[in-house]
């Protein structure tokens, strides 16, 4: 994986953000060098604010409600793990502006040490190529646990009627070319056409405009499992799902001043969350582990 030069704007963004320092205890060291910065994407941060409201993420025990989804509850789990692992330094959430280059920026800021860690999981296959620059946590999503729906525009009757593999194969899918497990999964289904694009926004736009039929997305906790992106509404094709191979992990910058300490706390905290059943419950209540799709046909 090629890493471009650092974009030197994150520090100013972090200072301007003004996020709550939930894990900073009274008397904690306020030295900026000791502050732990957790990076997330802007759309995740927006939904996180809606989900959390005025609640303290460290004491949160229920993971359903407005704004809840996989990325959002991972941001909560990251903070809880750090606290349970003994970290008492101030923690600041920092967002990366949403753009076609946002995931690359996300990686660059962490690899450079400008941010301490990511608040959302990444595929192990993507992290292995940069493992000399990061600490990789135990998996939050283990091998075989990641299932996704084939989401289509709510008005696409042809796609919604494609309830077996031959019918799905006649559809056109779209995926960000940097999402290697997603690309491999869609191509492995034998679909007639898999369009490669640069970003999630582009994927959503192409499906909304009918240039593609489906995109892969985690199942949602909404009553009809609908995915809403802005004014657009997408539905999963009923009765079918796909599995993505691999595990997903959090990762900490080795270049951050307190990277080793943060990685150690994160690892301890994840073990506690796993033992308590919090990780599985969080993914279930957010709709990512979705009981309603348990008996749907897995196409791969």
C-alpha atoms as a PDB file:
ATOM      1  CA  UNK A   1       0.000   0.000   0.000  1.00  0.00           C
ATOM      2  CA  UNK A   2       1.496   3.308  -1.012  1.00  0.00           C
ATOM      3  CA  UNK A   3       1.221   6.090   1.542  1.00  0.00           C
ATOM      4  CA  UNK A   4       1.297   9.640   0.192  1.00  0.00           C
ATOM      5  CA  UNK A   5       2.746  12.642   1.985  1.00  0.00           C
ATOM      6  CA  UNK A   6       0.975  13.867   5.101  1.00  0.00           C
ATOM      7  CA  UNK A   7      -1.696  16.490   4.652  1.00  0.00           C
ATOM      8  CA  UNK A   8      -0.787  18.967   7.408  1.00  0.00           C
ATOM      9  CA  UNK A   9      -4.222  20.229   8.383  1.00  0.00           C
ATOM     10  CA  UNK A  10      -5.387  17.757  11.006  1.00  0.00           C
ATOM     11  CA  UNK A  11      -3.849  19.455  14.010  1.00  0.00           C
ATOM     12  CA  UNK A  12      -5.770  22.661  13.276  1.00  0.00           C
ATOM     13  CA  UNK A  13      -8.933  20.628  12.772  1.00  0.00           C
ATOM     14  CA  UNK A  14      -8.404  18.848  16.065  1.00  0.00           C
ATOM     15  CA  UNK A  15      -8.055  22.106  17.968  1.00  0.00           C
ATOM     16  CA  UNK A  16     -11.177  23.505  16.364  1.00  0.00           C
ATOM     17  CA  UNK A  17     -13.332  20.465  16.910  1.00  0.00           C
ATOM     18  CA  UNK A  18     -13.986  20.877  20.617  1.00  0.00           C
ATOM     19  CA  UNK A  19     -15.105  17.278  21.259  1.00  0.00           C
ATOM     20  CA  UNK A  20     -15.807  16.073  24.788  1.00  0.00           C
ATOM     21  CA  UNK A  21     -12.834  14.513  26.591  1.00  0.00           C
ATOM     22  CA  UNK A  22     -14.846  11.663  28.059  1.00  0.00           C
ATOM     23  CA  UNK A  23     -11.946   9.607  29.404  1.00  0.00           C
ATOM     24  CA  UNK A  24      -9.987  12.505  30.892  1.00  0.00           C
ATOM     25  CA  UNK A  25     -10.278  12.335  34.687  1.00  0.00           C
ATOM     26  CA  UNK A  26      -9.983  15.312  36.998  1.00  0.00           C
ATOM     27  CA  UNK A  27      -6.339  16.117  37.381  1.00  0.00           C
ATOM     28  CA  UNK A  28      -5.333  14.264  34.226  1.00  0.00           C
ATOM     29  CA  UNK A  29      -2.311  15.602  32.383  1.00  0.00           C
ATOM     30  CA  UNK A  30      -3.558  18.332  30.023  1.00  0.00           C
ATOM     31  CA  UNK A  31      -0.321  18.354  28.039  1.00  0.00           C
ATOM     32  CA  UNK A  32      -1.418  18.170  24.365  1.00  0.00           C
ATOM     33  CA  UNK A  33       1.348  15.626  23.743  1.00  0.00           C
ATOM     34  CA  UNK A  34      -0.449  13.252  26.148  1.00  0.00           C
ATOM     35  CA  UNK A  35      -3.896  13.663  24.567  1.00  0.00           C
ATOM     36  CA  UNK A  36      -5.097  10.562  22.758  1.00  0.00           C
ATOM     37  CA  UNK A  37      -6.690  11.462  19.429  1.00  0.00           C
ATOM     38  CA  UNK A  38      -9.193   9.000  17.967  1.00  0.00           C
ATOM     39  CA  UNK A  39      -9.763   9.530  14.274  1.00  0.00           C
ATOM     40  CA  UNK A  40     -13.063   8.928  12.519  1.00  0.00           C
ATOM     41  CA  UNK A  41     -14.789   9.952   9.305  1.00  0.00           C
ATOM     42  CA  UNK A  42     -17.142  12.922   9.281  1.00  0.00           C
ATOM     43  CA  UNK A  43     -20.310  10.958   8.482  1.00  0.00           C
ATOM     44  CA  UNK A  44     -19.562   8.573  11.359  1.00  0.00           C
ATOM     45  CA  UNK A  45     -18.932  11.492  13.718  1.00  0.00           C
ATOM     46  CA  UNK A  46     -22.237  13.110  12.740  1.00  0.00           C
ATOM     47  CA  UNK A  47     -24.209   9.926  13.459  1.00  0.00           C
ATOM     48  CA  UNK A  48     -22.186   9.375  16.634  1.00  0.00           C
ATOM     49  CA  UNK A  49     -23.262  12.771  17.969  1.00  0.00           C
ATOM     50  CA  UNK A  50     -26.884  11.928  17.188  1.00  0.00           C
ATOM     51  CA  UNK A  51     -26.546   8.523  18.854  1.00  0.00           C
ATOM     52  CA  UNK A  52     -24.754   9.649  22.013  1.00  0.00           C
ATOM     53  CA  UNK A  53     -26.573  12.915  22.659  1.00  0.00           C
ATOM     54  CA  UNK A  54     -25.704  13.945  26.207  1.00  0.00           C
ATOM     55  CA  UNK A  55     -24.848  10.430  27.374  1.00  0.00           C
ATOM     56  CA  UNK A  56     -21.409   9.304  28.484  1.00  0.00           C
ATOM     57  CA  UNK A  57     -20.057   6.696  26.026  1.00  0.00           C
ATOM     58  CA  UNK A  58     -18.017   5.084  28.804  1.00  0.00           C
ATOM     59  CA  UNK A  59     -21.113   4.018  30.729  1.00  0.00           C
ATOM     60  CA  UNK A  60     -23.284   3.152  27.732  1.00  0.00           C
ATOM     61  CA  UNK A  61     -24.815  -0.333  27.882  1.00  0.00           C
ATOM     62  CA  UNK A  62     -27.440  -0.181  25.102  1.00  0.00           C
ATOM     63  CA  UNK A  63     -26.375   0.266  21.516  1.00  0.00           C
ATOM     64  CA  UNK A  64     -29.641   0.729  19.623  1.00  0.00           C
ATOM     65  CA  UNK A  65     -31.388   3.971  18.734  1.00  0.00           C
ATOM     66  CA  UNK A  66     -31.133   6.867  16.279  1.00  0.00           C
ATOM     67  CA  UNK A  67     -27.713   7.043  14.631  1.00  0.00           C
ATOM     68  CA  UNK A  68     -26.689   3.536  15.677  1.00  0.00           C
ATOM     69  CA  UNK A  69     -24.720   1.548  13.108  1.00  0.00           C
ATOM     70  CA  UNK A  70     -21.525  -0.482  12.991  1.00  0.00           C
ATOM     71  CA  UNK A  71     -19.079   2.422  12.636  1.00  0.00           C
ATOM     72  CA  UNK A  72     -20.806   4.425  15.361  1.00  0.00           C
ATOM     73  CA  UNK A  73     -20.810   1.705  17.991  1.00  0.00           C
ATOM     74  CA  UNK A  74     -17.171   0.900  17.161  1.00  0.00           C
ATOM     75  CA  UNK A  75     -16.328   4.460  18.144  1.00  0.00           C
ATOM     76  CA  UNK A  76     -18.043   3.829  21.475  1.00  0.00           C
ATOM     77  CA  UNK A  77     -16.345   0.450  21.952  1.00  0.00           C
ATOM     78  CA  UNK A  78     -12.937   2.006  21.264  1.00  0.00           C
ATOM     79  CA  UNK A  79     -13.414   4.545  24.054  1.00  0.00           C
ATOM     80  CA  UNK A  80     -14.750   1.932  26.458  1.00  0.00           C
ATOM     81  CA  UNK A  81     -11.845  -0.412  25.723  1.00  0.00           C
ATOM     82  CA  UNK A  82      -9.253   2.285  26.388  1.00  0.00           C
ATOM     83  CA  UNK A  83     -10.883   3.166  29.693  1.00  0.00           C
ATOM     84  CA  UNK A  84     -11.303  -0.449  30.802  1.00  0.00           C
ATOM     85  CA  UNK A  85      -7.658  -1.020  29.869  1.00  0.00           C
ATOM     86  CA  UNK A  86      -6.575   1.624  32.348  1.00  0.00           C
ATOM     87  CA  UNK A  87      -5.956   4.628  30.101  1.00  0.00           C
ATOM     88  CA  UNK A  88      -6.625   7.884  31.934  1.00  0.00           C
ATOM     89  CA  UNK A  89      -5.175  10.417  29.496  1.00  0.00           C
ATOM     90  CA  UNK A  90      -7.589  12.897  27.883  1.00  0.00           C
ATOM     91  CA  UNK A  91      -9.237  11.563  24.727  1.00  0.00           C
ATOM     92  CA  UNK A  92     -10.315  13.699  21.791  1.00  0.00           C
ATOM     93  CA  UNK A  93     -12.382  12.619  18.810  1.00  0.00           C
ATOM     94  CA  UNK A  94     -11.138  14.050  15.531  1.00  0.00           C
ATOM     95  CA  UNK A  95     -13.011  13.877  12.250  1.00  0.00           C
ATOM     96  CA  UNK A  96     -11.636  13.653   8.742  1.00  0.00           C
ATOM     97  CA  UNK A  97     -13.703  15.661   6.297  1.00  0.00           C
ATOM     98  CA  UNK A  98     -15.674  13.453   3.940  1.00  0.00           C
ATOM     99  CA  UNK A  99     -14.101  13.346   0.490  1.00  0.00           C
ATOM    100  CA  UNK A 100     -12.965  10.886  -2.137  1.00  0.00           C
ATOM    101  CA  UNK A 101      -9.559  10.815  -0.413  1.00  0.00           C
ATOM    102  CA  UNK A 102     -10.863  10.580   3.156  1.00  0.00           C
ATOM    103  CA  UNK A 103      -9.824   6.955   3.802  1.00  0.00           C
ATOM    104  CA  UNK A 104      -6.307   7.644   2.514  1.00  0.00           C
ATOM    105  CA  UNK A 105      -6.126  10.702   4.761  1.00  0.00           C
ATOM    106  CA  UNK A 106      -7.390   8.591   7.650  1.00  0.00           C
ATOM    107  CA  UNK A 107      -4.450   6.233   7.197  1.00  0.00           C
ATOM    108  CA  UNK A 108      -1.873   8.958   6.618  1.00  0.00           C
ATOM    109  CA  UNK A 109      -2.757  10.823   9.807  1.00  0.00           C
ATOM    110  CA  UNK A 110      -2.426   7.675  11.913  1.00  0.00           C
ATOM    111  CA  UNK A 111       0.748   6.415  10.252  1.00  0.00           C
ATOM    112  CA  UNK A 112       2.413   9.784  10.764  1.00  0.00           C
ATOM    113  CA  UNK A 113       1.446   9.914  14.446  1.00  0.00           C
ATOM    114  CA  UNK A 114      -0.694  13.039  14.012  1.00  0.00           C
ATOM    115  CA  UNK A 115      -3.574  10.911  15.303  1.00  0.00           C
ATOM    116  CA  UNK A 116      -3.120   8.150  17.877  1.00  0.00           C
ATOM    117  CA  UNK A 117      -5.549   5.551  16.588  1.00  0.00           C
ATOM    118  CA  UNK A 118      -8.568   4.921  14.428  1.00  0.00           C
ATOM    119  CA  UNK A 119     -11.970   4.664  16.058  1.00  0.00           C
ATOM    120  CA  UNK A 120     -13.234   2.213  13.445  1.00  0.00           C
ATOM    121  CA  UNK A 121     -12.032  -1.217  12.445  1.00  0.00           C
ATOM    122  CA  UNK A 122     -10.156  -2.047   9.251  1.00  0.00           C
ATOM    123  CA  UNK A 123      -9.611  -5.329   7.436  1.00  0.00           C
ATOM    124  CA  UNK A 124      -6.557  -7.283   8.548  1.00  0.00           C
ATOM    125  CA  UNK A 125      -5.538  -7.731   4.893  1.00  0.00           C
ATOM    126  CA  UNK A 126      -5.188  -3.940   4.610  1.00  0.00           C
ATOM    127  CA  UNK A 127      -3.341  -3.582   7.903  1.00  0.00           C
ATOM    128  CA  UNK A 128      -0.751  -6.295   7.301  1.00  0.00           C
ATOM    129  CA  UNK A 129       1.060  -4.231   4.678  1.00  0.00           C
ATOM    130  CA  UNK A 130       1.634  -1.411   7.221  1.00  0.00           C
ATOM    131  CA  UNK A 131       2.119  -3.526  10.344  1.00  0.00           C
ATOM    132  CA  UNK A 132       5.591  -2.075  10.909  1.00  0.00           C
ATOM    133  CA  UNK A 133       3.948   1.334  11.477  1.00  0.00           C
ATOM    134  CA  UNK A 134       0.993   0.320  13.653  1.00  0.00           C
ATOM    135  CA  UNK A 135      -0.074  -1.853  16.556  1.00  0.00           C
ATOM    136  CA  UNK A 136      -2.939  -4.144  15.484  1.00  0.00           C
ATOM    137  CA  UNK A 137      -5.548  -5.028  18.107  1.00  0.00           C
ATOM    138  CA  UNK A 138      -7.358  -8.291  18.656  1.00  0.00           C
ATOM    139  CA  UNK A 139     -10.295  -8.532  16.250  1.00  0.00           C
ATOM    140  CA  UNK A 140     -13.586  -6.857  17.040  1.00  0.00           C
ATOM    141  CA  UNK A 141     -15.161  -8.638  14.063  1.00  0.00           C
ATOM    142  CA  UNK A 142     -13.798 -12.161  13.801  1.00  0.00           C
ATOM    143  CA  UNK A 143     -13.325 -14.322  10.727  1.00  0.00           C
ATOM    144  CA  UNK A 144     -16.712 -15.353   9.312  1.00  0.00           C
ATOM    145  CA  UNK A 145     -18.749 -12.820  11.294  1.00  0.00           C
ATOM    146  CA  UNK A 146     -19.044 -10.091   8.658  1.00  0.00           C
ATOM    147  CA  UNK A 147     -22.235 -10.439   6.629  1.00  0.00           C
ATOM    148  CA  UNK A 148     -23.636  -7.772   4.331  1.00  0.00           C
ATOM    149  CA  UNK A 149     -26.712  -7.056   2.311  1.00  0.00           C
ATOM    150  CA  UNK A 150     -26.986  -6.231  -1.372  1.00  0.00           C
ATOM    151  CA  UNK A 151     -28.552  -2.782  -1.071  1.00  0.00           C
ATOM    152  CA  UNK A 152     -30.455  -1.178  -3.934  1.00  0.00           C
ATOM    153  CA  UNK A 153     -32.516   1.956  -4.508  1.00  0.00           C
ATOM    154  CA  UNK A 154     -35.976   1.538  -2.993  1.00  0.00           C
ATOM    155  CA  UNK A 155     -37.558   1.961  -6.429  1.00  0.00           C
ATOM    156  CA  UNK A 156     -35.430  -0.637  -8.232  1.00  0.00           C
ATOM    157  CA  UNK A 157     -38.044  -3.401  -8.602  1.00  0.00           C
ATOM    158  CA  UNK A 158     -35.790  -5.589 -10.751  1.00  0.00           C
ATOM    159  CA  UNK A 159     -33.045  -5.704  -8.151  1.00  0.00           C
ATOM    160  CA  UNK A 160     -35.470  -6.240  -5.262  1.00  0.00           C
ATOM    161  CA  UNK A 161     -36.881  -9.260  -7.073  1.00  0.00           C
ATOM    162  CA  UNK A 162     -33.442 -10.895  -7.537  1.00  0.00           C
ATOM    163  CA  UNK A 163     -33.726 -13.420  -4.730  1.00  0.00           C
ATOM    164  CA  UNK A 164     -31.315 -16.113  -5.885  1.00  0.00           C
ATOM    165  CA  UNK A 165     -27.774 -16.212  -7.211  1.00  0.00           C
ATOM    166  CA  UNK A 166     -28.578 -16.403 -10.964  1.00  0.00           C
ATOM    167  CA  UNK A 167     -30.819 -13.324 -10.680  1.00  0.00           C
ATOM    168  CA  UNK A 168     -28.243 -11.435  -8.602  1.00  0.00           C
ATOM    169  CA  UNK A 169     -25.536 -12.257 -11.141  1.00  0.00           C
ATOM    170  CA  UNK A 170     -27.489 -10.356 -13.797  1.00  0.00           C
ATOM    171  CA  UNK A 171     -27.274  -7.139 -11.790  1.00  0.00           C
ATOM    172  CA  UNK A 172     -24.598  -4.439 -11.897  1.00  0.00           C
ATOM    173  CA  UNK A 173     -22.719  -3.766  -8.669  1.00  0.00           C
ATOM    174  CA  UNK A 174     -20.550  -0.812  -7.687  1.00  0.00           C
ATOM    175  CA  UNK A 175     -17.737  -0.743  -5.132  1.00  0.00           C
ATOM    176  CA  UNK A 176     -14.818   1.473  -4.129  1.00  0.00           C
ATOM    177  CA  UNK A 177     -11.750  -0.055  -5.754  1.00  0.00           C
ATOM    178  CA  UNK A 178      -9.688   0.304  -2.558  1.00  0.00           C
ATOM    179  CA  UNK A 179     -12.118  -1.933  -0.625  1.00  0.00           C
ATOM    180  CA  UNK A 180     -10.367  -5.164  -1.488  1.00  0.00           C
ATOM    181  CA  UNK A 181     -12.561  -7.666   0.415  1.00  0.00           C
ATOM    182  CA  UNK A 182     -15.699  -6.081  -1.089  1.00  0.00           C
ATOM    183  CA  UNK A 183     -14.253  -6.162  -4.601  1.00  0.00           C
ATOM    184  CA  UNK A 184     -13.196  -9.790  -4.198  1.00  0.00           C
ATOM    185  CA  UNK A 185     -16.605 -10.761  -2.832  1.00  0.00           C
ATOM    186  CA  UNK A 186     -18.589  -9.127  -5.630  1.00  0.00           C
ATOM    187  CA  UNK A 187     -16.336 -10.466  -8.350  1.00  0.00           C
ATOM    188  CA  UNK A 188     -16.497 -13.904  -6.758  1.00  0.00           C
ATOM    189  CA  UNK A 189     -20.282 -13.902  -7.039  1.00  0.00           C
ATOM    190  CA  UNK A 190     -19.903 -13.915 -10.811  1.00  0.00           C
ATOM    191  CA  UNK A 191     -21.913 -10.751 -11.364  1.00  0.00           C
ATOM    192  CA  UNK A 192     -22.243  -9.551 -14.933  1.00  0.00           C
ATOM    193  CA  UNK A 193     -20.608  -6.231 -14.146  1.00  0.00           C
ATOM    194  CA  UNK A 194     -18.739  -4.801 -11.155  1.00  0.00           C
ATOM    195  CA  UNK A 195     -18.056  -1.088 -11.505  1.00  0.00           C
ATOM    196  CA  UNK A 196     -15.071   0.331  -9.599  1.00  0.00           C
ATOM    197  CA  UNK A 197     -15.226   3.842  -8.201  1.00  0.00           C
ATOM    198  CA  UNK A 198     -13.328   5.959  -5.671  1.00  0.00           C
ATOM    199  CA  UNK A 199     -15.584   6.513  -2.661  1.00  0.00           C
ATOM    200  CA  UNK A 200     -18.716   5.628  -0.729  1.00  0.00           C
ATOM    201  CA  UNK A 201     -20.385   8.848  -1.904  1.00  0.00           C
ATOM    202  CA  UNK A 202     -19.787   7.853  -5.509  1.00  0.00           C
ATOM    203  CA  UNK A 203     -21.205   4.373  -4.856  1.00  0.00           C
ATOM    204  CA  UNK A 204     -24.350   5.810  -3.322  1.00  0.00           C
ATOM    205  CA  UNK A 205     -24.799   8.278  -6.165  1.00  0.00           C
ATOM    206  CA  UNK A 206     -24.437   5.628  -8.862  1.00  0.00           C
ATOM    207  CA  UNK A 207     -27.034   3.344  -7.269  1.00  0.00           C
ATOM    208  CA  UNK A 208     -29.417   6.250  -6.620  1.00  0.00           C
ATOM    209  CA  UNK A 209     -29.181   7.324 -10.272  1.00  0.00           C
ATOM    210  CA  UNK A 210     -29.603   3.789 -11.618  1.00  0.00           C
ATOM    211  CA  UNK A 211     -26.109   3.552 -13.083  1.00  0.00           C
ATOM    212  CA  UNK A 212     -25.594   0.509 -10.841  1.00  0.00           C
ATOM    213  CA  UNK A 213     -28.095  -1.787  -9.176  1.00  0.00           C
ATOM    214  CA  UNK A 214     -26.489  -2.737  -5.887  1.00  0.00           C
ATOM    215  CA  UNK A 215     -23.777  -1.971  -3.363  1.00  0.00           C
ATOM    216  CA  UNK A 216     -22.646  -3.945  -0.337  1.00  0.00           C
ATOM    217  CA  UNK A 217     -23.585  -2.515   3.049  1.00  0.00           C
ATOM    218  CA  UNK A 218     -24.020  -3.883   6.578  1.00  0.00           C
ATOM    219  CA  UNK A 219     -27.577  -4.641   7.609  1.00  0.00           C
ATOM    220  CA  UNK A 220     -29.244  -1.794   9.476  1.00  0.00           C
ATOM    221  CA  UNK A 221     -31.210  -1.756  12.720  1.00  0.00           C
ATOM    222  CA  UNK A 222     -34.099   0.180  11.158  1.00  0.00           C
ATOM    223  CA  UNK A 223     -37.508  -1.607  11.073  1.00  0.00           C
ATOM    224  CA  UNK A 224     -37.200  -2.438   7.346  1.00  0.00           C
ATOM    225  CA  UNK A 225     -33.378  -2.557   7.480  1.00  0.00           C
ATOM    226  CA  UNK A 226     -33.372   0.486   5.191  1.00  0.00           C
ATOM    227  CA  UNK A 227     -30.124   2.405   4.736  1.00  0.00           C
ATOM    228  CA  UNK A 228     -30.547   6.171   4.544  1.00  0.00           C
ATOM    229  CA  UNK A 229     -27.829   8.379   3.096  1.00  0.00           C
ATOM    230  CA  UNK A 230     -28.962  11.991   3.008  1.00  0.00           C
ATOM    231  CA  UNK A 231     -32.253  12.007   1.132  1.00  0.00           C
ATOM    232  CA  UNK A 232     -31.608   8.619  -0.462  1.00  0.00           C
ATOM    233  CA  UNK A 233     -33.196   5.402   0.829  1.00  0.00           C
ATOM    234  CA  UNK A 234     -31.809   1.960   0.009  1.00  0.00           C
ATOM    235  CA  UNK A 235     -33.217  -1.482   0.801  1.00  0.00           C
ATOM    236  CA  UNK A 236     -31.501  -4.879   1.006  1.00  0.00           C
ATOM    237  CA  UNK A 237     -32.574  -7.454  -1.547  1.00  0.00           C
ATOM    238  CA  UNK A 238     -34.742  -9.752   0.601  1.00  0.00           C
ATOM    239  CA  UNK A 239     -33.739 -13.312   1.471  1.00  0.00           C
ATOM    240  CA  UNK A 240     -30.110 -13.111   0.259  1.00  0.00           C
ATOM    241  CA  UNK A 241     -26.845 -12.020   1.869  1.00  0.00           C
ATOM    242  CA  UNK A 242     -23.114 -12.333   1.331  1.00  0.00           C
ATOM    243  CA  UNK A 243     -20.215 -13.062   3.633  1.00  0.00           C
ATOM    244  CA  UNK A 244     -16.949 -11.122   3.521  1.00  0.00           C
ATOM    245  CA  UNK A 245     -13.812 -13.052   4.373  1.00  0.00           C
ATOM    246  CA  UNK A 246     -11.374 -11.737   6.951  1.00  0.00           C
ATOM    247  CA  UNK A 247     -11.318 -10.136  10.380  1.00  0.00           C
ATOM    248  CA  UNK A 248     -11.494  -6.465  11.311  1.00  0.00           C
ATOM    249  CA  UNK A 249      -9.261  -4.774  13.875  1.00  0.00           C
ATOM    250  CA  UNK A 250      -8.531  -1.436  15.498  1.00  0.00           C
ATOM    251  CA  UNK A 251      -5.040  -0.047  15.010  1.00  0.00           C
ATOM    252  CA  UNK A 252      -2.747   2.365  16.856  1.00  0.00           C
ATOM    253  CA  UNK A 253       0.077   4.490  15.473  1.00  0.00           C
ATOM    254  CA  UNK A 254       3.582   3.425  16.477  1.00  0.00           C
ATOM    255  CA  UNK A 255       4.686   7.011  15.790  1.00  0.00           C
ATOM    256  CA  UNK A 256       2.300   8.607  18.287  1.00  0.00           C
ATOM    257  CA  UNK A 257       4.025   9.758  21.504  1.00  0.00           C
ATOM    258  CA  UNK A 258       1.945   7.407  23.649  1.00  0.00           C
ATOM    259  CA  UNK A 259       1.221   4.761  21.013  1.00  0.00           C
ATOM    260  CA  UNK A 260       2.603   1.757  22.896  1.00  0.00           C
ATOM    261  CA  UNK A 261       0.731   2.672  26.082  1.00  0.00           C
ATOM    262  CA  UNK A 262      -2.515   3.191  24.174  1.00  0.00           C
ATOM    263  CA  UNK A 263      -2.138  -0.119  22.320  1.00  0.00           C
ATOM    264  CA  UNK A 264      -1.595  -1.961  25.594  1.00  0.00           C
ATOM    265  CA  UNK A 265      -4.685  -0.376  27.182  1.00  0.00           C
ATOM    266  CA  UNK A 266      -6.749  -1.071  24.075  1.00  0.00           C
ATOM    267  CA  UNK A 267      -5.796  -4.751  24.083  1.00  0.00           C
ATOM    268  CA  UNK A 268      -6.674  -5.172  27.755  1.00  0.00           C
ATOM    269  CA  UNK A 269      -9.973  -3.375  27.319  1.00  0.00           C
ATOM    270  CA  UNK A 270     -11.026  -5.394  24.255  1.00  0.00           C
ATOM    271  CA  UNK A 271     -10.443  -8.582  26.237  1.00  0.00           C
ATOM    272  CA  UNK A 272     -12.734  -7.297  28.992  1.00  0.00           C
ATOM    273  CA  UNK A 273     -15.435  -6.267  26.508  1.00  0.00           C
ATOM    274  CA  UNK A 274     -15.226  -9.660  24.802  1.00  0.00           C
ATOM    275  CA  UNK A 275     -15.507 -11.522  28.103  1.00  0.00           C
ATOM    276  CA  UNK A 276     -18.529  -9.463  29.156  1.00  0.00           C
ATOM    277  CA  UNK A 277     -20.286 -10.065  25.837  1.00  0.00           C
ATOM    278  CA  UNK A 278     -20.388  -6.340  25.145  1.00  0.00           C
ATOM    279  CA  UNK A 279     -18.883  -6.560  21.659  1.00  0.00           C
ATOM    280  CA  UNK A 280     -21.405  -9.102  20.395  1.00  0.00           C
ATOM    281  CA  UNK A 281     -24.291  -7.249  22.048  1.00  0.00           C
ATOM    282  CA  UNK A 282     -23.218  -3.934  20.540  1.00  0.00           C
ATOM    283  CA  UNK A 283     -23.012  -5.342  17.036  1.00  0.00           C
ATOM    284  CA  UNK A 284     -26.364  -7.093  17.490  1.00  0.00           C
ATOM    285  CA  UNK A 285     -28.213  -4.082  18.877  1.00  0.00           C
ATOM    286  CA  UNK A 286     -26.823  -1.837  16.125  1.00  0.00           C
ATOM    287  CA  UNK A 287     -28.219  -4.239  13.528  1.00  0.00           C
ATOM    288  CA  UNK A 288     -24.846  -5.352  12.171  1.00  0.00           C
ATOM    289  CA  UNK A 289     -25.327  -8.853  13.575  1.00  0.00           C
ATOM    290  CA  UNK A 290     -28.917  -9.023  12.400  1.00  0.00           C
ATOM    291  CA  UNK A 291     -31.137 -11.799  13.712  1.00  0.00           C
ATOM    292  CA  UNK A 292     -33.739 -11.076  11.010  1.00  0.00           C
ATOM    293  CA  UNK A 293     -31.313 -12.240   8.307  1.00  0.00           C
ATOM    294  CA  UNK A 294     -30.154 -15.355  10.142  1.00  0.00           C
ATOM    295  CA  UNK A 295     -31.951 -17.695   7.761  1.00  0.00           C
ATOM    296  CA  UNK A 296     -31.406 -15.712   4.558  1.00  0.00           C
ATOM    297  CA  UNK A 297     -29.516 -17.560   1.814  1.00  0.00           C
ATOM    298  CA  UNK A 298     -25.799 -16.820   1.882  1.00  0.00           C
ATOM    299  CA  UNK A 299     -24.739 -16.559  -1.740  1.00  0.00           C
ATOM    300  CA  UNK A 300     -21.027 -17.298  -1.266  1.00  0.00           C
END
